C-alpha cells in the first residue's frame, strides 16, 4: 500500500514539475513577443525579428509571433498585440532593460536588447 502511495506522489510531482517548466517557457515566449512588438513599433525591425523567432521554439501556439515576424519583414509598425501590452513592454525596456536581458539569458536566450529608440 505504501509503495502505491509513493508511486502516486512521484507521478504527481513529475506532472507538477513538467507543468511549471512548460508554463515558464510559454511565459517567456509571450514576453519575447511583447518585447518584439515594442521594438517593431519603434522601427528596430532587426531586433524585433530576432525576438519573434524565439517564441515558436518555446510555445508552438504563438500565431502572433508569425504575424509579427511577417510585419517586421515588411517593416510595418502596426501592432499585433493590444497597445496596452506593447506600452507595458516599452516601459520594461525603458526602465528594466537590464533585468529583462538577464531573465532571457537565464532562460538560455541569446538576444541583445539595445536601448529602445524611435527610428524613422
PDB file of N, CA and C in Angstrom:
ATOM      1  N   UNK A   1       0.822  -1.195   0.000  1.00  0.00           N
ATOM      2  CA  UNK A   1       0.000   0.000   0.000  1.00  0.00           C
ATOM      3  C   UNK A   1       0.867   1.260   0.000  1.00  0.00           C
ATOM      4  N   UNK A   2       1.869   1.290   0.860  1.00  0.00           N
ATOM      5  CA  UNK A   2       2.753   2.463   0.930  1.00  0.00           C
ATOM      6  C   UNK A   2       3.487   2.648  -0.395  1.00  0.00           C
ATOM      7  N   UNK A   3       3.842   1.539  -1.046  1.00  0.00           N
ATOM      8  CA  UNK A   3       4.526   1.591  -2.329  1.00  0.00           C
ATOM      9  C   UNK A   3       3.676   2.342  -3.357  1.00  0.00           C
ATOM     10  N   UNK A   4       2.383   2.051  -3.420  1.00  0.00           N
ATOM     11  CA  UNK A   4       1.496   2.697  -4.394  1.00  0.00           C
ATOM     12  C   UNK A   4       1.311   4.179  -4.083  1.00  0.00           C
ATOM     13  N   UNK A   5       1.274   4.523  -2.836  1.00  0.00           N
ATOM     14  CA  UNK A   5       1.177   5.938  -2.452  1.00  0.00           C
ATOM     15  C   UNK A   5       2.432   6.676  -2.891  1.00  0.00           C
ATOM     16  N   UNK A   6       3.600   6.063  -2.686  1.00  0.00           N
ATOM     17  CA  UNK A   6       4.867   6.678  -3.099  1.00  0.00           C
ATOM     18  C   UNK A   6       4.918   6.849  -4.611  1.00  0.00           C
ATOM     19  N   UNK A   7       4.451   5.847  -5.336  1.00  0.00           N
ATOM     20  CA  UNK A   7       4.411   5.937  -6.804  1.00  0.00           C
ATOM     21  C   UNK A   7       3.473   7.063  -7.224  1.00  0.00           C
ATOM     22  N   UNK A   8       2.318   7.158  -6.598  1.00  0.00           N
ATOM     23  CA  UNK A   8       1.361   8.221  -6.907  1.00  0.00           C
ATOM     24  C   UNK A   8       1.933   9.606  -6.651  1.00  0.00           C
ATOM     25  N   UNK A   9       2.626   9.760  -5.526  1.00  0.00           N
ATOM     26  CA  UNK A   9       3.246  11.042  -5.191  1.00  0.00           C
ATOM     27  C   UNK A   9       4.340  11.380  -6.203  1.00  0.00           C
ATOM     28  N   UNK A  10       5.121  10.407  -6.609  1.00  0.00           N
ATOM     29  CA  UNK A  10       6.185  10.628  -7.598  1.00  0.00           C
ATOM     30  C   UNK A  10       5.604  11.061  -8.943  1.00  0.00           C
ATOM     31  N   UNK A  11       4.536  10.415  -9.366  1.00  0.00           N
ATOM     32  CA  UNK A  11       3.888  10.780 -10.631  1.00  0.00           C
ATOM     33  C   UNK A  11       3.325  12.189 -10.542  1.00  0.00           C
ATOM     34  N   UNK A  12       2.663  12.507  -9.444  1.00  0.00           N
ATOM     35  CA  UNK A  12       2.104  13.840  -9.243  1.00  0.00           C
ATOM     36  C   UNK A  12       3.198  14.907  -9.244  1.00  0.00           C
ATOM     37  N   UNK A  13       4.304  14.651  -8.578  1.00  0.00           N
ATOM     38  CA  UNK A  13       5.422  15.599  -8.544  1.00  0.00           C
ATOM     39  C   UNK A  13       6.012  15.799  -9.940  1.00  0.00           C
ATOM     40  N   UNK A  14       6.114  14.733 -10.701  1.00  0.00           N
ATOM     41  CA  UNK A  14       6.631  14.827 -12.070  1.00  0.00           C
ATOM     42  C   UNK A  14       5.708  15.671 -12.943  1.00  0.00           C
ATOM     43  N   UNK A  15       4.420  15.427 -12.846  1.00  0.00           N
ATOM     44  CA  UNK A  15       3.451  16.192 -13.633  1.00  0.00           C
ATOM     45  C   UNK A  15       3.482  17.661 -13.236  1.00  0.00           C
ATOM     46  N   UNK A  16       3.529  17.951 -11.955  1.00  0.00           N
ATOM     47  CA  UNK A  16       3.593  19.327 -11.482  1.00  0.00           C
ATOM     48  C   UNK A  16       4.862  20.017 -11.961  1.00  0.00           C
ATOM     49  N   UNK A  17       5.995  19.348 -11.860  1.00  0.00           N
ATOM     50  CA  UNK A  17       7.263  19.923 -12.315  1.00  0.00           C
ATOM     51  C   UNK A  17       7.255  20.197 -13.797  1.00  0.00           C
ATOM     52  N   UNK A  18       6.740  19.276 -14.580  1.00  0.00           N
ATOM     53  CA  UNK A  18       6.656  19.459 -16.029  1.00  0.00           C
ATOM     54  C   UNK A  18       5.723  20.613 -16.377  1.00  0.00           C
ATOM     55  N   UNK A  19       4.617  20.719 -15.681  1.00  0.00           N
ATOM     56  CA  UNK A  19       3.664  21.812 -15.916  1.00  0.00           C
ATOM     57  C   UNK A  19       4.303  23.171 -15.629  1.00  0.00           C
ATOM     58  N   UNK A  20       5.020  23.272 -14.524  1.00  0.00           N
ATOM     59  CA  UNK A  20       5.688  24.527 -14.186  1.00  0.00           C
ATOM     60  C   UNK A  20       6.739  24.897 -15.223  1.00  0.00           C
ATOM     61  N   UNK A  21       7.500  23.914 -15.672  1.00  0.00           N
ATOM     62  CA  UNK A  21       8.527  24.146 -16.684  1.00  0.00           C
ATOM     63  C   UNK A  21       7.902  24.626 -18.000  1.00  0.00           C
ATOM     64  N   UNK A  22       6.816  23.964 -18.441  1.00  0.00           N
ATOM     65  CA  UNK A  22       6.148  24.366 -19.678  1.00  0.00           C
ATOM     66  C   UNK A  22       5.517  25.746 -19.545  1.00  0.00           C
ATOM     67  N   UNK A  23       4.949  26.046 -18.386  1.00  0.00           N
ATOM     68  CA  UNK A  23       4.348  27.347 -18.166  1.00  0.00           C
ATOM     69  C   UNK A  23       5.402  28.449 -18.215  1.00  0.00           C
ATOM     70  N   UNK A  24       6.593  28.190 -17.669  1.00  0.00           N
ATOM     71  CA  UNK A  24       7.679  29.179 -17.700  1.00  0.00           C
ATOM     72  C   UNK A  24       8.136  29.426 -19.135  1.00  0.00           C
ATOM     73  N   UNK A  25       8.224  28.360 -19.928  1.00  0.00           N
ATOM     74  CA  UNK A  25       8.603  28.505 -21.332  1.00  0.00           C
ATOM     75  C   UNK A  25       7.559  29.328 -22.079  1.00  0.00           C
ATOM     76  N   UNK A  26       6.289  29.044 -21.833  1.00  0.00           N
ATOM     77  CA  UNK A  26       5.205  29.765 -22.501  1.00  0.00           C
ATOM     78  C   UNK A  26       5.224  31.237 -22.100  1.00  0.00           C
ATOM     79  N   UNK A  27       5.449  31.510 -20.833  1.00  0.00           N
ATOM     80  CA  UNK A  27       5.521  32.883 -20.343  1.00  0.00           C
ATOM     81  C   UNK A  27       6.672  33.642 -21.019  1.00  0.00           C
ATOM     82  N   UNK A  28       7.817  32.995 -21.163  1.00  0.00           N
ATOM     83  CA  UNK A  28       8.959  33.629 -21.817  1.00  0.00           C
ATOM     84  C   UNK A  28       8.664  33.867 -23.295  1.00  0.00           C
ATOM     85  N   UNK A  29       7.950  32.959 -23.938  1.00  0.00           N
ATOM     86  CA  UNK A  29       7.565  33.140 -25.345  1.00  0.00           C
ATOM     87  C   UNK A  29       6.709  34.392 -25.498  1.00  0.00           C
ATOM     88  N   UNK A  30       5.745  34.555 -24.614  1.00  0.00           N
ATOM     89  CA  UNK A  30       4.868  35.716 -24.694  1.00  0.00           C
ATOM     90  C   UNK A  30       5.622  37.003 -24.360  1.00  0.00           C
ATOM     91  N   UNK A  31       6.572  36.945 -23.441  1.00  0.00           N
ATOM     92  CA  UNK A  31       7.414  38.109 -23.150  1.00  0.00           C
ATOM     93  C   UNK A  31       8.202  38.499 -24.395  1.00  0.00           C
ATOM     94  N   UNK A  32       8.772  37.529 -25.089  1.00  0.00           N
ATOM     95  CA  UNK A  32       9.564  37.845 -26.283  1.00  0.00           C
ATOM     96  C   UNK A  32       8.700  38.505 -27.352  1.00  0.00           C
ATOM     97  N   UNK A  33       7.447  38.088 -27.471  1.00  0.00           N
ATOM     98  CA  UNK A  33       6.554  38.709 -28.455  1.00  0.00           C
ATOM     99  C   UNK A  33       6.255  40.152 -28.065  1.00  0.00           C
ATOM    100  N   UNK A  34       5.976  40.391 -26.783  1.00  0.00           N
ATOM    101  CA  UNK A  34       5.691  41.764 -26.341  1.00  0.00           C
ATOM    102  C   UNK A  34       6.899  42.669 -26.559  1.00  0.00           C
ATOM    103  N   UNK A  35       8.082  42.160 -26.266  1.00  0.00           N
ATOM    104  CA  UNK A  35       9.297  42.949 -26.490  1.00  0.00           C
ATOM    105  C   UNK A  35       9.496  43.200 -27.983  1.00  0.00           C
ATOM    106  N   UNK A  36       9.270  42.186 -28.807  1.00  0.00           N
ATOM    107  CA  UNK A  36       9.401  42.333 -30.261  1.00  0.00           C
ATOM    108  C   UNK A  36       8.451  43.399 -30.777  1.00  0.00           C
ATOM    109  N   UNK A  37       7.230  43.403 -30.251  1.00  0.00           N
ATOM    110  CA  UNK A  37       6.252  44.407 -30.661  1.00  0.00           C
ATOM    111  C   UNK A  37       6.759  45.823 -30.360  1.00  0.00           C
ATOM    112  N   UNK A  38       7.341  46.000 -29.181  1.00  0.00           N
ATOM    113  CA  UNK A  38       7.848  47.325 -28.806  1.00  0.00           C
ATOM    114  C   UNK A  38       8.978  47.750 -29.750  1.00  0.00           C
ATOM    115  N   UNK A  39       9.892  46.835 -30.053  1.00  0.00           N
ATOM    116  CA  UNK A  39      10.986  47.175 -30.972  1.00  0.00           C
ATOM    117  C   UNK A  39      10.463  47.439 -32.381  1.00  0.00           C
ATOM    118  N   UNK A  40       9.505  46.643 -32.833  1.00  0.00           N
ATOM    119  CA  UNK A  40       8.966  46.836 -34.183  1.00  0.00           C
ATOM    120  C   UNK A  40       8.262  48.178 -34.279  1.00  0.00           C
ATOM    121  N   UNK A  41       7.513  48.533 -33.253  1.00  0.00           N
ATOM    122  CA  UNK A  41       6.805  49.802 -33.254  1.00  0.00           C
ATOM    123  C   UNK A  41       7.779  50.979 -33.251  1.00  0.00           C
ATOM    124  N   UNK A  42       8.951  50.777 -32.628  1.00  0.00           N
ATOM    125  CA  UNK A  42       9.973  51.822 -32.597  1.00  0.00           C
ATOM    126  C   UNK A  42      10.795  51.855 -33.892  1.00  0.00           C
ATOM    127  N   UNK A  43      10.580  50.867 -34.763  1.00  0.00           N
ATOM    128  CA  UNK A  43      11.293  50.845 -36.032  1.00  0.00           C
ATOM    129  C   UNK A  43      12.560  50.003 -36.028  1.00  0.00           C
ATOM    130  N   UNK A  44      12.841  49.287 -34.942  1.00  0.00           N
ATOM    131  CA  UNK A  44      14.006  48.394 -34.880  1.00  0.00           C
ATOM    132  C   UNK A  44      13.538  47.002 -35.315  1.00  0.00           C
ATOM    133  N   UNK A  45      13.413  46.837 -36.625  1.00  0.00           N
ATOM    134  CA  UNK A  45      12.848  45.615 -37.187  1.00  0.00           C
ATOM    135  C   UNK A  45      13.778  44.416 -37.027  1.00  0.00           C
ATOM    136  N   UNK A  46      15.066  44.636 -37.013  1.00  0.00           N
ATOM    137  CA  UNK A  46      16.018  43.535 -36.856  1.00  0.00           C
ATOM    138  C   UNK A  46      15.890  42.884 -35.474  1.00  0.00           C
ATOM    139  N   UNK A  47      15.899  43.702 -34.421  1.00  0.00           N
ATOM    140  CA  UNK A  47      15.743  43.155 -33.072  1.00  0.00           C
ATOM    141  C   UNK A  47      14.375  42.500 -32.930  1.00  0.00           C
ATOM    142  N   UNK A  48      13.351  43.114 -33.512  1.00  0.00           N
ATOM    143  CA  UNK A  48      12.003  42.533 -33.454  1.00  0.00           C
ATOM    144  C   UNK A  48      11.991  41.146 -34.083  1.00  0.00           C
ATOM    145  N   UNK A  49      12.605  40.995 -35.253  1.00  0.00           N
ATOM    146  CA  UNK A  49      12.627  39.678 -35.912  1.00  0.00           C
ATOM    147  C   UNK A  49      13.337  38.642 -35.047  1.00  0.00           C
ATOM    148  N   UNK A  50      14.436  39.022 -34.414  1.00  0.00           N
ATOM    149  CA  UNK A  50      15.151  38.087 -33.537  1.00  0.00           C
ATOM    150  C   UNK A  50      14.259  37.617 -32.391  1.00  0.00           C
ATOM    151  N   UNK A  51      13.540  38.556 -31.795  1.00  0.00           N
ATOM    152  CA  UNK A  51      12.670  38.207 -30.669  1.00  0.00           C
ATOM    153  C   UNK A  51      11.473  37.370 -31.109  1.00  0.00           C
ATOM    154  N   UNK A  52      10.914  37.663 -32.273  1.00  0.00           N
ATOM    155  CA  UNK A  52       9.804  36.853 -32.783  1.00  0.00           C
ATOM    156  C   UNK A  52      10.246  35.416 -33.034  1.00  0.00           C
ATOM    157  N   UNK A  53      11.493  35.214 -33.460  1.00  0.00           N
ATOM    158  CA  UNK A  53      11.994  33.876 -33.759  1.00  0.00           C
ATOM    159  C   UNK A  53      12.093  32.998 -32.510  1.00  0.00           C
ATOM    160  N   UNK A  54      12.205  33.611 -31.347  1.00  0.00           N
ATOM    161  CA  UNK A  54      12.320  32.872 -30.091  1.00  0.00           C
ATOM    162  C   UNK A  54      11.010  32.175 -29.732  1.00  0.00           C
ATOM    163  N   UNK A  55       9.905  32.879 -29.922  1.00  0.00           N
ATOM    164  CA  UNK A  55       8.607  32.417 -29.419  1.00  0.00           C
ATOM    165  C   UNK A  55       8.196  31.027 -29.892  1.00  0.00           C
ATOM    166  N   UNK A  56       8.243  30.707 -31.184  1.00  0.00           N
ATOM    167  CA  UNK A  56       7.788  29.374 -31.599  1.00  0.00           C
ATOM    168  C   UNK A  56       8.621  28.226 -31.018  1.00  0.00           C
ATOM    169  N   UNK A  57       9.879  28.486 -30.678  1.00  0.00           N
ATOM    170  CA  UNK A  57      10.700  27.446 -30.060  1.00  0.00           C
ATOM    171  C   UNK A  57      10.234  27.134 -28.639  1.00  0.00           C
ATOM    172  N   UNK A  58       9.624  28.113 -27.990  1.00  0.00           N
ATOM    173  CA  UNK A  58       9.182  27.947 -26.609  1.00  0.00           C
ATOM    174  C   UNK A  58       7.710  27.567 -26.493  1.00  0.00           C
ATOM    175  N   UNK A  59       6.899  28.002 -27.446  1.00  0.00           N
ATOM    176  CA  UNK A  59       5.464  27.748 -27.406  1.00  0.00           C
ATOM    177  C   UNK A  59       4.960  27.653 -28.846  1.00  0.00           C
ATOM    178  N   UNK A  60       4.528  26.490 -29.248  1.00  0.00           N
ATOM    179  CA  UNK A  60       4.125  26.267 -30.642  1.00  0.00           C
ATOM    180  C   UNK A  60       2.837  26.998 -31.022  1.00  0.00           C
ATOM    181  N   UNK A  61       2.044  27.403 -30.059  1.00  0.00           N
ATOM    182  CA  UNK A  61       0.763  28.062 -30.341  1.00  0.00           C
ATOM    183  C   UNK A  61       0.868  29.573 -30.263  1.00  0.00           C
ATOM    184  N   UNK A  62       1.807  30.137 -31.007  1.00  0.00           N
ATOM    185  CA  UNK A  62       2.025  31.585 -30.942  1.00  0.00           C
ATOM    186  C   UNK A  62       1.856  32.172 -32.344  1.00  0.00           C
ATOM    187  N   UNK A  63       0.595  32.342 -32.732  1.00  0.00           N
ATOM    188  CA  UNK A  63       0.302  32.914 -34.042  1.00  0.00           C
ATOM    189  C   UNK A  63       0.748  34.366 -34.145  1.00  0.00           C
ATOM    190  N   UNK A  64       0.722  35.079 -33.009  1.00  0.00           N
ATOM    191  CA  UNK A  64       1.136  36.485 -33.027  1.00  0.00           C
ATOM    192  C   UNK A  64       2.595  36.617 -33.449  1.00  0.00           C
ATOM    193  N   UNK A  65       3.424  35.652 -33.097  1.00  0.00           N
ATOM    194  CA  UNK A  65       4.842  35.708 -33.469  1.00  0.00           C
ATOM    195  C   UNK A  65       5.003  35.603 -34.977  1.00  0.00           C
ATOM    196  N   UNK A  66       4.239  34.712 -35.596  1.00  0.00           N
ATOM    197  CA  UNK A  66       4.330  34.567 -37.053  1.00  0.00           C
ATOM    198  C   UNK A  66       3.842  35.831 -37.758  1.00  0.00           C
ATOM    199  N   UNK A  67       2.729  36.375 -37.288  1.00  0.00           N
ATOM    200  CA  UNK A  67       2.195  37.599 -37.898  1.00  0.00           C
ATOM    201  C   UNK A  67       3.137  38.773 -37.644  1.00  0.00           C
ATOM    202  N   UNK A  68       3.650  38.886 -36.433  1.00  0.00           N
ATOM    203  CA  UNK A  68       4.592  39.963 -36.123  1.00  0.00           C
ATOM    204  C   UNK A  68       5.859  39.860 -36.951  1.00  0.00           C
ATOM    205  N   UNK A  69       6.346  38.653 -37.142  1.00  0.00           N
ATOM    206  CA  UNK A  69       7.542  38.443 -37.949  1.00  0.00           C
ATOM    207  C   UNK A  69       7.288  38.876 -39.396  1.00  0.00           C
ATOM    208  N   UNK A  70       6.122  38.539 -39.919  1.00  0.00           N
ATOM    209  CA  UNK A  70       5.759  38.970 -41.281  1.00  0.00           C
ATOM    210  C   UNK A  70       5.732  40.491 -41.362  1.00  0.00           C
ATOM    211  N   UNK A  71       5.126  41.136 -40.372  1.00  0.00           N
ATOM    212  CA  UNK A  71       5.052  42.598 -40.378  1.00  0.00           C
ATOM    213  C   UNK A  71       6.431  43.227 -40.213  1.00  0.00           C
ATOM    214  N   UNK A  72       7.309  42.592 -39.439  1.00  0.00           N
ATOM    215  CA  UNK A  72       8.671  43.117 -39.280  1.00  0.00           C
ATOM    216  C   UNK A  72       9.434  43.028 -40.598  1.00  0.00           C
ATOM    217  N   UNK A  73       9.264  41.922 -41.332  1.00  0.00           N
ATOM    218  CA  UNK A  73       9.920  41.796 -42.643  1.00  0.00           C
ATOM    219  C   UNK A  73       9.442  42.888 -43.590  1.00  0.00           C
ATOM    220  N   UNK A  74       8.154  43.221 -43.495  1.00  0.00           N
ATOM    221  CA  UNK A  74       7.568  44.244 -44.359  1.00  0.00           C
ATOM    222  C   UNK A  74       7.733  45.650 -43.778  1.00  0.00           C
ATOM    223  N   UNK A  75       8.362  45.741 -42.600  1.00  0.00           N
ATOM    224  CA  UNK A  75       8.604  46.997 -41.888  1.00  0.00           C
ATOM    225  C   UNK A  75       7.307  47.762 -41.608  1.00  0.00           C
ATOM    226  N   UNK A  76       6.308  47.007 -41.180  1.00  0.00           N
ATOM    227  CA  UNK A  76       5.009  47.567 -40.779  1.00  0.00           C
ATOM    228  C   UNK A  76       5.041  47.727 -39.270  1.00  0.00           C
ATOM    229  N   UNK A  77       4.634  48.887 -38.770  1.00  0.00           N
ATOM    230  CA  UNK A  77       4.702  49.154 -37.327  1.00  0.00           C
ATOM    231  C   UNK A  77       3.400  48.850 -36.589  1.00  0.00           C
ATOM    232  N   UNK A  78       2.314  48.657 -37.293  1.00  0.00           N
ATOM    233  CA  UNK A  78       1.019  48.409 -36.651  1.00  0.00           C
ATOM    234  C   UNK A  78       1.126  47.163 -35.770  1.00  0.00           C
ATOM    235  N   UNK A  79       0.761  47.260 -34.479  1.00  0.00           N
ATOM    236  CA  UNK A  79       0.956  46.144 -33.546  1.00  0.00           C
ATOM    237  C   UNK A  79       0.024  44.972 -33.800  1.00  0.00           C
ATOM    238  N   UNK A  80       0.496  43.791 -33.422  1.00  0.00           N
ATOM    239  CA  UNK A  80      -0.291  42.562 -33.464  1.00  0.00           C
ATOM    240  C   UNK A  80      -1.047  42.423 -32.146  1.00  0.00           C
ATOM    241  N   UNK A  81      -0.407  42.823 -31.062  1.00  0.00           N
ATOM    242  CA  UNK A  81      -0.997  42.736 -29.721  1.00  0.00           C
ATOM    243  C   UNK A  81      -1.704  44.033 -29.373  1.00  0.00           C
ATOM    244  N   UNK A  82      -2.397  44.029 -28.262  1.00  0.00           N
ATOM    245  CA  UNK A  82      -3.076  45.251 -27.819  1.00  0.00           C
ATOM    246  C   UNK A  82      -2.039  46.320 -27.471  1.00  0.00           C
ATOM    247  N   UNK A  83      -2.411  47.549 -27.663  1.00  0.00           N
ATOM    248  CA  UNK A  83      -1.500  48.672 -27.396  1.00  0.00           C
ATOM    249  C   UNK A  83      -1.063  48.696 -25.937  1.00  0.00           C
ATOM    250  N   UNK A  84      -1.940  48.261 -25.021  1.00  0.00           N
ATOM    251  CA  UNK A  84      -1.576  48.257 -23.599  1.00  0.00           C
ATOM    252  C   UNK A  84      -0.414  47.302 -23.331  1.00  0.00           C
ATOM    253  N   UNK A  85      -0.415  46.126 -23.969  1.00  0.00           N
ATOM    254  CA  UNK A  85       0.700  45.182 -23.796  1.00  0.00           C
ATOM    255  C   UNK A  85       1.992  45.735 -24.389  1.00  0.00           C
ATOM    256  N   UNK A  86       1.879  46.405 -25.535  1.00  0.00           N
ATOM    257  CA  UNK A  86       3.064  46.990 -26.168  1.00  0.00           C
ATOM    258  C   UNK A  86       3.601  48.135 -25.306  1.00  0.00           C
ATOM    259  N   UNK A  87       2.714  48.948 -24.753  1.00  0.00           N
ATOM    260  CA  UNK A  87       3.145  50.050 -23.881  1.00  0.00           C
ATOM    261  C   UNK A  87       3.852  49.509 -22.638  1.00  0.00           C
ATOM    262  N   UNK A  88       3.336  48.420 -22.075  1.00  0.00           N
ATOM    263  CA  UNK A  88       3.985  47.816 -20.901  1.00  0.00           C
ATOM    264  C   UNK A  88       5.368  47.281 -21.268  1.00  0.00           C
ATOM    265  N   UNK A  89       5.499  46.679 -22.438  1.00  0.00           N
ATOM    266  CA  UNK A  89       6.806  46.183 -22.890  1.00  0.00           C
ATOM    267  C   UNK A  89       7.776  47.345 -23.100  1.00  0.00           C
ATOM    268  N   UNK A  90       7.278  48.444 -23.669  1.00  0.00           N
ATOM    269  CA  UNK A  90       8.127  49.639 -23.845  1.00  0.00           C
ATOM    270  C   UNK A  90       8.622  50.150 -22.500  1.00  0.00           C
ATOM    271  N   UNK A  91       7.733  50.194 -21.507  1.00  0.00           N
ATOM    272  CA  UNK A  91       8.127  50.638 -20.161  1.00  0.00           C
ATOM    273  C   UNK A  91       9.208  49.735 -19.593  1.00  0.00           C
ATOM    274  N   UNK A  92       9.022  48.423 -19.735  1.00  0.00           N
ATOM    275  CA  UNK A  92      10.030  47.479 -19.207  1.00  0.00           C
ATOM    276  C   UNK A  92      11.362  47.670 -19.912  1.00  0.00           C
ATOM    277  N   UNK A  93      11.327  47.904 -21.224  1.00  0.00           N
ATOM    278  CA  UNK A  93      12.576  48.096 -21.961  1.00  0.00           C
ATOM    279  C   UNK A  93      13.237  49.424 -21.612  1.00  0.00           C
ATOM    280  N   UNK A  94      12.455  50.384 -21.210  1.00  0.00           N
ATOM    281  CA  UNK A  94      12.999  51.684 -20.825  1.00  0.00           C
ATOM    282  C   UNK A  94      13.506  51.673 -19.389  1.00  0.00           C
ATOM    283  N   UNK A  95      12.738  51.058 -18.483  1.00  0.00           N
ATOM    284  CA  UNK A  95      13.055  51.120 -17.061  1.00  0.00           C
ATOM    285  C   UNK A  95      13.785  49.891 -16.524  1.00  0.00           C
ATOM    286  N   UNK A  96      13.600  48.728 -17.146  1.00  0.00           N
ATOM    287  CA  UNK A  96      14.142  47.481 -16.596  1.00  0.00           C
ATOM    288  C   UNK A  96      14.856  46.641 -17.661  1.00  0.00           C
ATOM    289  N   UNK A  97      15.429  47.287 -18.665  1.00  0.00           N
ATOM    290  CA  UNK A  97      16.015  46.551 -19.787  1.00  0.00           C
ATOM    291  C   UNK A  97      17.066  45.546 -19.334  1.00  0.00           C
ATOM    292  N   UNK A  98      17.929  45.932 -18.405  1.00  0.00           N
ATOM    293  CA  UNK A  98      18.982  45.022 -17.940  1.00  0.00           C
ATOM    294  C   UNK A  98      18.400  43.799 -17.227  1.00  0.00           C
ATOM    295  N   UNK A  99      17.332  43.994 -16.445  1.00  0.00           N
ATOM    296  CA  UNK A  99      16.693  42.880 -15.757  1.00  0.00           C
ATOM    297  C   UNK A  99      16.031  41.929 -16.755  1.00  0.00           C
ATOM    298  N   UNK A 100      15.389  42.497 -17.777  1.00  0.00           N
ATOM    299  CA  UNK A 100      14.754  41.673 -18.804  1.00  0.00           C
ATOM    300  C   UNK A 100      15.819  40.890 -19.566  1.00  0.00           C
ATOM    301  N   UNK A 101      16.933  41.554 -19.894  1.00  0.00           N
ATOM    302  CA  UNK A 101      18.047  40.893 -20.578  1.00  0.00           C
ATOM    303  C   UNK A 101      18.570  39.735 -19.732  1.00  0.00           C
ATOM    304  N   UNK A 102      18.726  39.953 -18.434  1.00  0.00           N
ATOM    305  CA  UNK A 102      19.211  38.901 -17.532  1.00  0.00           C
ATOM    306  C   UNK A 102      18.231  37.730 -17.475  1.00  0.00           C
ATOM    307  N   UNK A 103      16.933  38.031 -17.460  1.00  0.00           N
ATOM    308  CA  UNK A 103      15.914  36.966 -17.450  1.00  0.00           C
ATOM    309  C   UNK A 103      16.037  36.105 -18.702  1.00  0.00           C
ATOM    310  N   UNK A 104      16.149  36.732 -19.861  1.00  0.00           N
ATOM    311  CA  UNK A 104      16.268  35.974 -21.107  1.00  0.00           C
ATOM    312  C   UNK A 104      17.526  35.116 -21.105  1.00  0.00           C
ATOM    313  N   UNK A 105      18.617  35.664 -20.605  1.00  0.00           N
ATOM    314  CA  UNK A 105      19.868  34.908 -20.548  1.00  0.00           C
ATOM    315  C   UNK A 105      19.746  33.701 -19.619  1.00  0.00           C
ATOM    316  N   UNK A 106      19.043  33.871 -18.485  1.00  0.00           N
ATOM    317  CA  UNK A 106      18.815  32.737 -17.576  1.00  0.00           C
ATOM    318  C   UNK A 106      18.018  31.636 -18.259  1.00  0.00           C
ATOM    319  N   UNK A 107      17.166  32.022 -19.188  1.00  0.00           N
ATOM    320  CA  UNK A 107      16.346  31.054 -19.915  1.00  0.00           C
ATOM    321  C   UNK A 107      17.108  30.471 -21.115  1.00  0.00           C
ATOM    322  N   UNK A 108      18.368  30.886 -21.289  1.00  0.00           N
ATOM    323  CA  UNK A 108      19.183  30.361 -22.382  1.00  0.00           C
ATOM    324  C   UNK A 108      18.956  31.057 -23.708  1.00  0.00           C
ATOM    325  N   UNK A 109      18.416  32.264 -23.671  1.00  0.00           N
ATOM    326  CA  UNK A 109      18.102  33.015 -24.892  1.00  0.00           C
ATOM    327  C   UNK A 109      19.167  34.081 -25.101  1.00  0.00           C
ATOM    328  N   UNK A 110      19.855  33.975 -26.211  1.00  0.00           N
ATOM    329  CA  UNK A 110      20.947  34.899 -26.552  1.00  0.00           C
ATOM    330  C   UNK A 110      20.443  35.957 -27.527  1.00  0.00           C
ATOM    331  N   UNK A 111      19.897  37.035 -26.998  1.00  0.00           N
ATOM    332  CA  UNK A 111      19.431  38.149 -27.822  1.00  0.00           C
ATOM    333  C   UNK A 111      19.866  39.425 -27.146  1.00  0.00           C
ATOM    334  N   UNK A 112      20.433  40.337 -27.919  1.00  0.00           N
ATOM    335  CA  UNK A 112      20.842  41.625 -27.373  1.00  0.00           C
ATOM    336  C   UNK A 112      19.649  42.565 -27.419  1.00  0.00           C
ATOM    337  N   UNK A 113      19.343  43.197 -26.302  1.00  0.00           N
ATOM    338  CA  UNK A 113      18.248  44.165 -26.238  1.00  0.00           C
ATOM    339  C   UNK A 113      18.840  45.573 -26.216  1.00  0.00           C
ATOM    340  N   UNK A 114      18.970  46.192 -27.395  1.00  0.00           N
ATOM    341  CA  UNK A 114      19.542  47.548 -27.419  1.00  0.00           C
ATOM    342  C   UNK A 114      18.558  48.543 -26.782  1.00  0.00           C
ATOM    343  N   UNK A 115      19.060  49.704 -26.390  1.00  0.00           N
ATOM    344  CA  UNK A 115      18.144  50.720 -25.860  1.00  0.00           C
ATOM    345  C   UNK A 115      17.029  51.005 -26.869  1.00  0.00           C
ATOM    346  N   UNK A 116      15.844  51.169 -26.382  1.00  0.00           N
ATOM    347  CA  UNK A 116      14.677  51.398 -27.234  1.00  0.00           C
ATOM    348  C   UNK A 116      14.665  52.853 -27.675  1.00  0.00           C
ATOM    349  N   UNK A 117      14.767  53.069 -28.980  1.00  0.00           N
ATOM    350  CA  UNK A 117      14.759  54.422 -29.540  1.00  0.00           C
ATOM    351  C   UNK A 117      13.831  54.440 -30.741  1.00  0.00           C
ATOM    352  N   UNK A 118      13.152  55.531 -30.902  1.00  0.00           N
ATOM    353  CA  UNK A 118      12.243  55.692 -32.051  1.00  0.00           C
ATOM    354  C   UNK A 118      13.085  55.892 -33.294  1.00  0.00           C
ATOM    355  N   UNK A 119      12.830  55.097 -34.334  1.00  0.00           N
ATOM    356  CA  UNK A 119      13.577  55.203 -35.583  1.00  0.00           C
ATOM    357  C   UNK A 119      12.620  55.548 -36.705  1.00  0.00           C
ATOM    358  N   UNK A 120      13.156  56.300 -37.662  1.00  0.00           N
ATOM    359  CA  UNK A 120      12.406  56.603 -38.888  1.00  0.00           C
ATOM    360  C   UNK A 120      11.107  57.211 -38.600  1.00  0.00           C
TER     361      UNK A 120
END
